[in-house]
C-alpha atoms as a PDB file:
ATOM      1  CA  MET A   1     140.452  71.543 107.384  1.00  0.00           C
ATOM      2  CA  ASP A   2     137.165  69.628 107.232  1.00  0.00           C
ATOM      3  CA  LEU A   3     134.405  72.166 107.807  1.00  0.00           C
ATOM      4  CA  ARG A   4     131.336  71.726 109.975  1.00  0.00           C
ATOM      5  CA  ILE A   5     128.767  74.079 108.433  1.00  0.00           C
ATOM      6  CA  ILE A   6     125.462  75.569 109.559  1.00  0.00           C
ATOM      7  CA  PHE A   7     123.374  76.645 106.565  1.00  0.00           C
ATOM      8  CA  MET A   8     120.891  79.502 107.000  1.00  0.00           C
ATOM      9  CA  GLY A   9     118.462  80.328 104.181  1.00  0.00           C
ATOM     10  CA  THR A  10     114.796  80.387 103.241  1.00  0.00           C
ATOM     11  CA  PRO A  11     113.706  81.059  99.606  1.00  0.00           C
ATOM     12  CA  GLU A  12     114.345  79.288  96.319  1.00  0.00           C
ATOM     13  CA  PHE A  13     117.308  81.617  95.714  1.00  0.00           C
ATOM     14  CA  SER A  14     119.204  79.876  98.526  1.00  0.00           C
ATOM     15  CA  VAL A  15     118.679  76.278  97.402  1.00  0.00           C
ATOM     16  CA  PRO A  16     121.438  76.037  94.733  1.00  0.00           C
ATOM     17  CA  THR A  17     124.035  77.097  97.305  1.00  0.00           C
ATOM     18  CA  LEU A  18     122.890  74.437  99.761  1.00  0.00           C
ATOM     19  CA  MET A  19     122.967  71.839  96.988  1.00  0.00           C
ATOM     20  CA  GLU A  20     126.482  72.861  95.926  1.00  0.00           C
ATOM     21  CA  ILE A  21     127.740  72.635  99.515  1.00  0.00           C
ATOM     22  CA  VAL A  22     126.231  69.198 100.030  1.00  0.00           C
ATOM     23  CA  GLY A  23     127.412  68.063  96.601  1.00  0.00           C
ATOM     24  CA  MET A  24     130.995  69.006  97.447  1.00  0.00           C
ATOM     25  CA  GLY A  25     130.881  66.710 100.460  1.00  0.00           C
ATOM     26  CA  TYR A  26     130.902  69.297 103.237  1.00  0.00           C
ATOM     27  CA  GLU A  27     129.282  68.342 106.524  1.00  0.00           C
ATOM     28  CA  VAL A  28     126.146  70.440 107.069  1.00  0.00           C
ATOM     29  CA  VAL A  29     125.320  69.864 110.726  1.00  0.00           C
ATOM     30  CA  ALA A  30     122.076  71.854 110.692  1.00  0.00           C
ATOM     31  CA  CYS A  31     119.941  74.128 108.596  1.00  0.00           C
ATOM     32  CA  TYR A  32     118.100  77.229 109.825  1.00  0.00           C
ATOM     33  CA  SER A  33     115.115  78.488 107.855  1.00  0.00           C
ATOM     34  CA  GLN A  34     112.081  80.652 108.508  1.00  0.00           C
ATOM     35  CA  PRO A  35     109.056  78.803 109.922  1.00  0.00           C
ATOM     36  CA  PRO A  36     106.417  77.243 107.656  1.00  0.00           C
ATOM     37  CA  ARG A  37     103.855  79.807 106.450  1.00  0.00           C
ATOM     38  CA  PRO A  38     100.208  79.491 105.367  1.00  0.00           C
ATOM     39  CA  ALA A  39      99.991  79.116 101.574  1.00  0.00           C
ATOM     40  CA  GLY A  40      97.570  78.082  98.846  1.00  0.00           C
ATOM     41  CA  ARG A  41      93.802  78.114  98.813  1.00  0.00           C
ATOM     42  CA  GLY A  42      93.558  76.045 101.964  1.00  0.00           C
ATOM     43  CA  MET A  43      96.196  78.189 103.718  1.00  0.00           C
ATOM     44  CA  ASP A  44      97.963  75.045 104.881  1.00  0.00           C
ATOM     45  CA  LEU A  45     101.381  75.505 106.436  1.00  0.00           C
ATOM     46  CA  LYS A  46     104.107  75.175 103.794  1.00  0.00           C
ATOM     47  CA  LYS A  47     107.781  74.622 104.479  1.00  0.00           C
ATOM     48  CA  SER A  48     110.284  76.945 102.813  1.00  0.00           C
ATOM     49  CA  PRO A  49     112.218  75.715  99.742  1.00  0.00           C
ATOM     50  CA  VAL A  50     115.391  75.482 101.837  1.00  0.00           C
ATOM     51  CA  HIS A  51     113.556  73.566 104.585  1.00  0.00           C
ATOM     52  CA  GLU A  52     112.329  70.999 102.054  1.00  0.00           C
ATOM     53  CA  ALA A  53     115.731  70.703 100.369  1.00  0.00           C
ATOM     54  CA  ALA A  54     117.528  70.233 103.688  1.00  0.00           C
ATOM     55  CA  GLU A  55     115.129  67.499 104.778  1.00  0.00           C
ATOM     56  CA  SER A  56     115.665  65.688 101.472  1.00  0.00           C
ATOM     57  CA  PHE A  57     119.363  65.498 102.388  1.00  0.00           C
ATOM     58  CA  GLY A  58     118.601  64.336 105.943  1.00  0.00           C
ATOM     59  CA  ILE A  59     119.860  67.590 107.485  1.00  0.00           C
ATOM     60  CA  PRO A  60     118.242  68.641 110.795  1.00  0.00           C
ATOM     61  CA  VAL A  61     116.176  71.829 110.307  1.00  0.00           C
ATOM     62  CA  PHE A  62     115.475  74.510 112.920  1.00  0.00           C
ATOM     63  CA  THR A  63     112.847  77.211 112.369  1.00  0.00           C
ATOM     64  CA  PRO A  64     112.938  79.715 115.250  1.00  0.00           C
ATOM     65  CA  THR A  65     110.938  82.923 114.874  1.00  0.00           C
ATOM     66  CA  SER A  66     113.856  84.841 116.403  1.00  0.00           C
ATOM     67  CA  LEU A  67     117.468  84.278 117.398  1.00  0.00           C
ATOM     68  CA  LYS A  68     117.396  86.818 120.227  1.00  0.00           C
ATOM     69  CA  ASP A  69     116.467  84.229 122.862  1.00  0.00           C
ATOM     70  CA  PRO A  70     119.563  83.132 124.850  1.00  0.00           C
ATOM     71  CA  GLU A  71     118.354  79.526 124.701  1.00  0.00           C
ATOM     72  CA  GLU A  72     118.228  79.652 120.888  1.00  0.00           C
ATOM     73  CA  GLN A  73     121.687  81.213 120.827  1.00  0.00           C
ATOM     74  CA  GLN A  74     123.050  78.457 123.060  1.00  0.00           C
ATOM     75  CA  LYS A  75     121.472  75.792 120.828  1.00  0.00           C
ATOM     76  CA  PHE A  76     123.239  77.406 117.864  1.00  0.00           C
ATOM     77  CA  THR A  77     126.569  77.474 119.741  1.00  0.00           C
ATOM     78  CA  ASP A  78     126.206  73.850 120.828  1.00  0.00           C
ATOM     79  CA  LEU A  79     126.220  72.742 117.174  1.00  0.00           C
ATOM     80  CA  ASP A  80     129.996  73.296 117.370  1.00  0.00           C
ATOM     81  CA  ALA A  81     130.265  74.532 113.778  1.00  0.00           C
ATOM     82  CA  ASP A  82     133.265  76.010 112.018  1.00  0.00           C
ATOM     83  CA  VAL A  83     131.247  78.469 109.932  1.00  0.00           C
ATOM     84  CA  ALA A  84     127.690  79.546 109.155  1.00  0.00           C
ATOM     85  CA  VAL A  85     126.692  80.140 105.527  1.00  0.00           C
ATOM     86  CA  VAL A  86     123.848  82.653 105.199  1.00  0.00           C
ATOM     87  CA  VAL A  87     121.858  83.060 101.977  1.00  0.00           C
ATOM     88  CA  ALA A  88     118.666  85.135 102.141  1.00  0.00           C
ATOM     89  CA  TYR A  89     117.758  83.797 105.582  1.00  0.00           C
ATOM     90  CA  GLY A  90     115.477  86.688 106.480  1.00  0.00           C
ATOM     91  CA  LEU A  91     116.147  87.009 110.218  1.00  0.00           C
ATOM     92  CA  LEU A  92     118.612  89.304 111.938  1.00  0.00           C
ATOM     93  CA  LEU A  93     121.623  87.569 113.451  1.00  0.00           C
ATOM     94  CA  PRO A  94     122.542  88.912 116.913  1.00  0.00           C
ATOM     95  CA  GLN A  95     126.197  89.367 117.750  1.00  0.00           C
ATOM     96  CA  ALA A  96     126.118  86.218 119.889  1.00  0.00           C
ATOM     97  CA  VAL A  97     125.199  84.208 116.781  1.00  0.00           C
ATOM     98  CA  LEU A  98     127.749  85.992 114.582  1.00  0.00           C
ATOM     99  CA  ASP A  99     130.415  85.009 117.115  1.00  0.00           C
ATOM    100  CA  ALA A 100     129.185  81.460 117.782  1.00  0.00           C
ATOM    101  CA  THR A 101     131.215  79.624 115.127  1.00  0.00           C
ATOM    102  CA  ARG A 102     134.987  79.415 114.868  1.00  0.00           C
ATOM    103  CA  GLU A 103     135.137  81.216 111.499  1.00  0.00           C
ATOM    104  CA  GLY A 104     132.089  83.477 111.840  1.00  0.00           C
ATOM    105  CA  CYS A 105     129.326  83.834 109.239  1.00  0.00           C
ATOM    106  CA  LEU A 106     129.711  84.069 105.460  1.00  0.00           C
ATOM    107  CA  ASN A 107     126.878  85.787 103.622  1.00  0.00           C
ATOM    108  CA  LEU A 108     126.025  85.527  99.917  1.00  0.00           C
ATOM    109  CA  HIS A 109     124.733  88.914  98.724  1.00  0.00           C
ATOM    110  CA  ALA A 110     123.269  89.626  95.284  1.00  0.00           C
ATOM    111  CA  SER A 111     124.889  92.954  94.437  1.00  0.00           C
ATOM    112  CA  LEU A 112     128.273  94.615  94.094  1.00  0.00           C
ATOM    113  CA  LEU A 113     128.646  96.084  97.560  1.00  0.00           C
ATOM    114  CA  PRO A 114     128.491  98.763  98.808  1.00  0.00           C
ATOM    115  CA  ARG A 115     125.830  99.353  96.130  1.00  0.00           C
ATOM    116  CA  TRP A 116     122.422  97.946  97.094  1.00  0.00           C
ATOM    117  CA  ARG A 117     122.850  96.890 100.672  1.00  0.00           C
ATOM    118  CA  GLY A 118     119.604  95.533 102.064  1.00  0.00           C
ATOM    119  CA  ALA A 119     116.580  93.398 101.276  1.00  0.00           C
ATOM    120  CA  ALA A 120     115.901  93.753  97.531  1.00  0.00           C
ATOM    121  CA  PRO A 121     119.196  94.253  95.658  1.00  0.00           C
ATOM    122  CA  ILE A 122     118.132  92.380  92.499  1.00  0.00           C
ATOM    123  CA  ASN A 123     114.930  94.378  92.045  1.00  0.00           C
ATOM    124  CA  ARG A 124     116.503  97.722  92.892  1.00  0.00           C
ATOM    125  CA  ALA A 125     119.423  97.254  90.493  1.00  0.00           C
ATOM    126  CA  ILE A 126     117.050  96.698  87.584  1.00  0.00           C
ATOM    127  CA  MET A 127     114.623  99.436  88.631  1.00  0.00           C
ATOM    128  CA  ALA A 128     117.551 101.868  88.718  1.00  0.00           C
ATOM    129  CA  GLY A 129     118.649 100.843  85.226  1.00  0.00           C
ATOM    130  CA  ASP A 130     122.014  99.435  86.326  1.00  0.00           C
ATOM    131  CA  ALA A 131     123.990  97.865  83.480  1.00  0.00           C
ATOM    132  CA  GLU A 132     125.980  95.553  85.761  1.00  0.00           C
ATOM    133  CA  THR A 133     125.567  93.680  89.016  1.00  0.00           C
ATOM    134  CA  GLY A 134     127.065  90.638  90.672  1.00  0.00           C
ATOM    135  CA  ILE A 135     127.170  88.222  93.570  1.00  0.00           C
ATOM    136  CA  GLN A 136     129.534  88.450  96.530  1.00  0.00           C
ATOM    137  CA  VAL A 137     130.629  86.444  99.547  1.00  0.00           C
ATOM    138  CA  MET A 138     131.150  88.690 102.553  1.00  0.00           C
ATOM    139  CA  ARG A 139     132.021  88.212 106.205  1.00  0.00           C
ATOM    140  CA  MET A 140     129.040  89.280 108.273  1.00  0.00           C
ATOM    141  CA  GLU A 141     129.173  91.892 111.002  1.00  0.00           C
ATOM    142  CA  ALA A 142     126.543  93.776 112.985  1.00  0.00           C
ATOM    143  CA  GLY A 143     125.879  96.451 110.329  1.00  0.00           C
ATOM    144  CA  LEU A 144     123.498  95.941 107.403  1.00  0.00           C
ATOM    145  CA  ASP A 145     125.630  94.288 104.688  1.00  0.00           C
ATOM    146  CA  THR A 146     128.672  96.284 105.796  1.00  0.00           C
ATOM    147  CA  GLY A 147     131.158  93.439 106.190  1.00  0.00           C
ATOM    148  CA  PRO A 148     134.355  92.957 104.170  1.00  0.00           C
ATOM    149  CA  VAL A 149     134.059  91.183 100.823  1.00  0.00           C
ATOM    150  CA  CYS A 150     135.866  87.881 100.259  1.00  0.00           C
ATOM    151  CA  MET A 151     134.934  86.928  96.686  1.00  0.00           C
ATOM    152  CA  ALA A 152     132.859  88.395  93.865  1.00  0.00           C
ATOM    153  CA  GLU A 153     131.542  87.618  90.391  1.00  0.00           C
ATOM    154  CA  THR A 154     130.122  90.301  88.126  1.00  0.00           C
ATOM    155  CA  MET A 155     127.578  89.957  85.338  1.00  0.00           C
ATOM    156  CA  PRO A 156     125.880  92.344  82.904  1.00  0.00           C
ATOM    157  CA  ILE A 157     122.187  93.173  83.136  1.00  0.00           C
ATOM    158  CA  ASP A 158     120.600  92.860  79.701  1.00  0.00           C
ATOM    159  CA  ALA A 159     118.315  95.726  78.674  1.00  0.00           C
ATOM    160  CA  ASN A 160     115.210  93.507  78.782  1.00  0.00           C
ATOM    161  CA  MET A 161     116.189  91.214  81.663  1.00  0.00           C
ATOM    162  CA  THR A 162     113.607  90.905  84.434  1.00  0.00           C
ATOM    163  CA  ALA A 163     114.220  90.513  88.152  1.00  0.00           C
ATOM    164  CA  GLY A 164     113.197  86.865  87.779  1.00  0.00           C
ATOM    165  CA  ASP A 165     115.768  86.295  85.034  1.00  0.00           C
ATOM    166  CA  LEU A 166     118.518  87.919  87.075  1.00  0.00           C
ATOM    167  CA  HIS A 167     117.462  86.072  90.237  1.00  0.00           C
ATOM    168  CA  ASP A 168     117.896  82.702  88.531  1.00  0.00           C
ATOM    169  CA  GLN A 169     121.289  83.530  87.042  1.00  0.00           C
ATOM    170  CA  LEU A 170     122.713  84.965  90.261  1.00  0.00           C
ATOM    171  CA  SER A 171     121.335  82.069  92.308  1.00  0.00           C
ATOM    172  CA  GLY A 172     123.296  79.531  90.276  1.00  0.00           C
ATOM    173  CA  LEU A 173     126.392  81.708  90.149  1.00  0.00           C
ATOM    174  CA  GLY A 174     126.228  82.213  93.901  1.00  0.00           C
ATOM    175  CA  GLY A 175     126.315  78.513  94.700  1.00  0.00           C
ATOM    176  CA  ASP A 176     129.545  78.091  92.771  1.00  0.00           C
ATOM    177  CA  LEU A 177     131.064  81.180  94.374  1.00  0.00           C
ATOM    178  CA  MET A 178     130.252  80.058  97.913  1.00  0.00           C
ATOM    179  CA  VAL A 179     131.851  76.619  97.554  1.00  0.00           C
ATOM    180  CA  ARG A 180     134.970  78.305  96.177  1.00  0.00           C
ATOM    181  CA  ALA A 181     134.996  80.535  99.253  1.00  0.00           C
ATOM    182  CA  LEU A 182     134.595  77.534 101.551  1.00  0.00           C
ATOM    183  CA  ALA A 183     137.468  75.765  99.791  1.00  0.00           C
ATOM    184  CA  ALA A 184     139.682  78.794 100.413  1.00  0.00           C
ATOM    185  CA  LEU A 185     138.496  78.955 104.022  1.00  0.00           C
ATOM    186  CA  SER A 186     139.371  75.298 104.579  1.00  0.00           C
ATOM    187  CA  ARG A 187     142.924  76.058 103.349  1.00  0.00           C
ATOM    188  CA  GLY A 188     143.203  79.118 105.585  1.00  0.00           C
ATOM    189  CA  ALA A 189     143.428  81.280 102.456  1.00  0.00           C
ATOM    190  CA  LEU A 190     140.120  83.204 102.461  1.00  0.00           C
ATOM    191  CA  MET A 191     140.983  86.899 102.401  1.00  0.00           C
ATOM    192  CA  ALA A 192     138.582  89.809 102.874  1.00  0.00           C
ATOM    193  CA  THR A 193     138.671  93.413 101.631  1.00  0.00           C
ATOM    194  CA  PRO A 194     136.795  96.224 103.393  1.00  0.00           C
ATOM    195  CA  GLN A 195     134.002  97.810 101.376  1.00  0.00           C
ATOM    196  CA  ALA A 196     134.528 101.241  99.852  1.00  0.00           C
ATOM    197  CA  GLU A 197     133.108 104.125 101.847  1.00  0.00           C
ATOM    198  CA  GLU A 198     131.792 105.807  98.706  1.00  0.00           C
ATOM    199  CA  GLY A 199     128.882 104.627  96.561  1.00  0.00           C
ATOM    200  CA  VAL A 200     126.696 103.220  99.324  1.00  0.00           C
ATOM    201  CA  THR A 201     123.044 102.707  98.297  1.00  0.00           C
ATOM    202  CA  TYR A 202     120.228 100.833 100.038  1.00  0.00           C
ATOM    203  CA  ALA A 203     117.845  98.322  98.476  1.00  0.00           C
ATOM    204  CA  SER A 204     114.775  98.834 100.616  1.00  0.00           C
ATOM    205  CA  LYS A 205     112.099  96.143 100.781  1.00  0.00           C
ATOM    206  CA  LEU A 206     109.513  96.361  97.987  1.00  0.00           C
ATOM    207  CA  SER A 207     106.155  97.805  98.974  1.00  0.00           C
ATOM    208  CA  LYS A 208     102.723  97.485  97.361  1.00  0.00           C
ATOM    209  CA  SER A 209     102.473 101.267  97.146  1.00  0.00           C
ATOM    210  CA  GLU A 210     105.173 101.410  94.440  1.00  0.00           C
ATOM    211  CA  THR A 211     103.848  98.697  92.129  1.00  0.00           C
ATOM    212  CA  GLN A 212     101.412 100.781  90.050  1.00  0.00           C
ATOM    213  CA  ILE A 213     102.873 101.888  86.723  1.00  0.00           C
ATOM    214  CA  ASP A 214     103.273 105.645  86.350  1.00  0.00           C
ATOM    215  CA  PHE A 215     103.098 106.255  82.613  1.00  0.00           C
ATOM    216  CA  SER A 216     103.987 109.925  83.148  1.00  0.00           C
ATOM    217  CA  GLN A 217     107.598 108.782  83.609  1.00  0.00           C
ATOM    218  CA  SER A 218     109.910 108.272  80.632  1.00  0.00           C
ATOM    219  CA  ALA A 219     109.543 105.062  78.636  1.00  0.00           C
ATOM    220  CA  LEU A 220     112.897 103.831  79.929  1.00  0.00           C
ATOM    221  CA  SER A 221     111.873 104.439  83.554  1.00  0.00           C
ATOM    222  CA  VAL A 222     108.551 102.654  83.013  1.00  0.00           C
ATOM    223  CA  HIS A 223     110.322  99.730  81.339  1.00  0.00           C
ATOM    224  CA  ASN A 224     112.841  99.435  84.202  1.00  0.00           C
ATOM    225  CA  HIS A 225     110.003  99.610  86.725  1.00  0.00           C
ATOM    226  CA  ILE A 226     108.115  96.798  84.987  1.00  0.00           C
ATOM    227  CA  ARG A 227     111.051  94.412  84.642  1.00  0.00           C
ATOM    228  CA  GLY A 228     112.363  95.193  88.124  1.00  0.00           C
ATOM    229  CA  LEU A 229     109.062  94.021  89.650  1.00  0.00           C
ATOM    230  CA  SER A 230     108.607  90.951  87.420  1.00  0.00           C
ATOM    231  CA  PRO A 231     107.421  88.347  88.141  1.00  0.00           C
ATOM    232  CA  PHE A 232     106.685  89.340  91.738  1.00  0.00           C
ATOM    233  CA  PRO A 233     105.045  91.463  93.019  1.00  0.00           C
ATOM    234  CA  GLY A 234     104.353  92.661  89.454  1.00  0.00           C
ATOM    235  CA  ALA A 235     103.875  96.188  88.082  1.00  0.00           C
ATOM    236  CA  TRP A 236     100.303  96.941  87.010  1.00  0.00           C
ATOM    237  CA  PHE A 237      97.888  99.353  85.356  1.00  0.00           C
ATOM    238  CA  GLU A 238      94.093  99.496  85.343  1.00  0.00           C
ATOM    239  CA  MET A 239      91.753  99.460  82.372  1.00  0.00           C
ATOM    240  CA  GLN A 240      88.029 100.042  82.096  1.00  0.00           C
ATOM    241  CA  ARG A 241      85.966  96.977  81.128  1.00  0.00           C
ATOM    242  CA  GLY A 242      82.352  98.122  80.819  1.00  0.00           C
ATOM    243  CA  THR A 243      81.357  99.388  84.254  1.00  0.00           C
ATOM    244  CA  LYS A 244      84.243  97.625  85.977  1.00  0.00           C
ATOM    245  CA  THR A 245      87.900  98.525  86.412  1.00  0.00           C
ATOM    246  CA  GLU A 246      90.303  95.628  85.872  1.00  0.00           C
ATOM    247  CA  ARG A 247      93.869  95.453  87.109  1.00  0.00           C
ATOM    248  CA  VAL A 248      96.463  94.091  84.672  1.00  0.00           C
ATOM    249  CA  LYS A 249     100.052  93.141  85.482  1.00  0.00           C
ATOM    250  CA  VAL A 250     102.780  93.782  82.932  1.00  0.00           C
ATOM    251  CA  LEU A 251     105.485  91.128  83.251  1.00  0.00           C
ATOM    252  CA  ARG A 252     107.657  91.976  80.246  1.00  0.00           C
ATOM    253  CA  SER A 253     108.079  95.086  78.131  1.00  0.00           C
ATOM    254  CA  GLN A 254     110.336  96.912  75.701  1.00  0.00           C
ATOM    255  CA  VAL A 255     111.056 100.544  75.008  1.00  0.00           C
ATOM    256  CA  ALA A 256     109.044 101.039  71.792  1.00  0.00           C
ATOM    257  CA  ASP A 257     110.593 102.474  68.668  1.00  0.00           C
ATOM    258  CA  VAL A 258     107.747 104.969  68.270  1.00  0.00           C
ATOM    259  CA  GLN A 259     106.973 108.437  69.562  1.00  0.00           C
ATOM    260  CA  GLY A 260     104.015 109.374  71.697  1.00  0.00           C
ATOM    261  CA  ALA A 261     103.256 112.308  69.343  1.00  0.00           C
ATOM    262  CA  GLY A 262     101.977 114.376  72.239  1.00  0.00           C
ATOM    263  CA  ALA A 263      99.517 111.731  73.430  1.00  0.00           C
ATOM    264  CA  GLU A 264      98.562 111.810  77.099  1.00  0.00           C
ATOM    265  CA  PRO A 265     100.598 109.327  79.161  1.00  0.00           C
ATOM    266  CA  GLY A 266      98.766 106.036  79.499  1.00  0.00           C
ATOM    267  CA  THR A 267      97.131 106.278  76.064  1.00  0.00           C
ATOM    268  CA  LEU A 268      97.097 103.179  73.870  1.00  0.00           C
ATOM    269  CA  LEU A 269      98.945 104.167  70.690  1.00  0.00           C
ATOM    270  CA  ILE A 270      99.208 100.906  68.782  1.00  0.00           C
ATOM    271  CA  SER A 271      97.407  97.602  69.269  1.00  0.00           C
ATOM    272  CA  ASP A 272      99.040  95.208  66.837  1.00  0.00           C
ATOM    273  CA  GLY A 273     100.364  91.674  66.645  1.00  0.00           C
ATOM    274  CA  ASN A 274     103.328  92.544  68.854  1.00  0.00           C
ATOM    275  CA  GLY A 275     101.305  93.782  71.815  1.00  0.00           C
ATOM    276  CA  PRO A 276      99.985  97.118  73.092  1.00  0.00           C
ATOM    277  CA  VAL A 277     102.176 100.219  72.833  1.00  0.00           C
ATOM    278  CA  VAL A 278     101.422 102.809  75.514  1.00  0.00           C
ATOM    279  CA  ALA A 279     102.420 106.482  75.553  1.00  0.00           C
ATOM    280  CA  CYS A 280     104.703 107.594  78.384  1.00  0.00           C
ATOM    281  CA  GLY A 281     105.800 111.019  79.573  1.00  0.00           C
ATOM    282  CA  GLU A 282     108.663 110.655  77.118  1.00  0.00           C
ATOM    283  CA  GLY A 283     108.490 108.007  74.369  1.00  0.00           C
ATOM    284  CA  ALA A 284     106.394 104.848  74.628  1.00  0.00           C
ATOM    285  CA  VAL A 285     106.622 101.319  75.987  1.00  0.00           C
ATOM    286  CA  ARG A 286     105.448  98.084  74.397  1.00  0.00           C
ATOM    287  CA  CYS A 287     103.903  95.512  76.767  1.00  0.00           C
ATOM    288  CA  THR A 288     104.983  92.070  75.561  1.00  0.00           C
ATOM    289  CA  GLN A 289     103.692  89.864  78.387  1.00  0.00           C
ATOM    290  CA  LEU A 290     100.664  90.648  80.532  1.00  0.00           C
ATOM    291  CA  GLN A 291      98.454  88.982  83.113  1.00  0.00           C
ATOM    292  CA  ARG A 292      94.830  89.837  83.804  1.00  0.00           C
ATOM    293  CA  ALA A 293      93.487  89.280  87.317  1.00  0.00           C
ATOM    294  CA  GLY A 294      92.818  85.588  87.896  1.00  0.00           C
ATOM    295  CA  LYS A 295      94.284  84.606  84.522  1.00  0.00           C
ATOM    296  CA  THR A 296      97.554  83.109  83.338  1.00  0.00           C
ATOM    297  CA  ALA A 297     100.271  85.274  81.791  1.00  0.00           C
ATOM    298  CA  VAL A 298      99.978  85.711  77.998  1.00  0.00           C
ATOM    299  CA  SER A 299     101.865  87.472  75.215  1.00  0.00           C
ATOM    300  CA  GLY A 300     100.948  91.014  74.271  1.00  0.00           C
ATOM    301  CA  ALA A 301      99.271  89.750  71.101  1.00  0.00           C
ATOM    302  CA  GLU A 302      97.195  87.200  73.029  1.00  0.00           C
ATOM    303  CA  PHE A 303      96.199  89.862  75.538  1.00  0.00           C
ATOM    304  CA  LEU A 304      94.733  92.051  72.804  1.00  0.00           C
ATOM    305  CA  ARG A 305      92.968  89.184  71.095  1.00  0.00           C
ATOM    306  CA  GLY A 306      89.311  89.281  72.093  1.00  0.00           C
ATOM    307  CA  LEU A 307      89.571  92.593  73.981  1.00  0.00           C
ATOM    308  CA  GLN A 308      87.741  95.524  72.454  1.00  0.00           C
ATOM    309  CA  LEU A 309      90.622  97.934  72.906  1.00  0.00           C
ATOM    310  CA  LYS A 310      91.358 100.544  70.285  1.00  0.00           C
ATOM    311  CA  ASN A 311      94.028 103.137  69.668  1.00  0.00           C
ATOM    312  CA  GLY A 312      93.404 106.157  71.858  1.00  0.00           C
ATOM    313  CA  ASP A 313      91.985 104.189  74.827  1.00  0.00           C
ATOM    314  CA  LYS A 314      93.350 105.246  78.187  1.00  0.00           C
ATOM    315  CA  LEU A 315      95.170 102.884  80.544  1.00  0.00           C
ATOM    316  CA  VAL A 316      95.740 104.221  84.045  1.00  0.00           C
END
């Protein structure tokens, strides 16, 4: 069966899947993406990565602010598609949209469901210290990521891998997985298995209130927090610079092979060529890549160079 496909996605994560689908010769009749948003210093409207990619392929792009309007739902139905492929679209799909194509909607989700249903599965898996994650194709239904799973690929999470690292690997893996699912669908051979009822967790959207580093936690917890928020929105601490307090993001870290020796959490223990080592509630963490406000990201050694920090200084 030759498939007529509607693609629905917004961020950079979604682009490899769109490219794989187009590259395999499938007919993408339309693309749905979130509307252009103000960006940059001039706050000019900027199209989403998926919007730009779709236009480069000559695919019509629609950017409704909602799909609840009956007229929008009818426009979607009139595209006469076999299936919709959804990858980090960002808008809720009403039942009328879920039912509008002959084969329903296939969603690419970046976790091993039912673990980490929701908006931020990549970040939450790392912040929780998970050793493994994956990417899955699921059939969408009205519940939040509750649909049956059609295909899956697993991958380990390295101890120092950031959310950005994992994002990039899963994005590429997901494109390959989705075209395999579409090939099975075109043969009438795409099967689906209901999710387990046990082990459900939710990956809530990241909030600014949880980005500050709490050095009173164990070194492992602090390390997972840092890498789970890197590169965006970024975990941060504050340091005193004369009469001013400066915010510093930590983009990469390691659990340090030193002991805090009873030092108060947040105390600078070692400032050497490998970057600052900071005492935690249990153990210590080494900051290996940092970014001062308004500056580019630098190594831990470069961060210390020129700063008058000394062992025993307090970072909060």
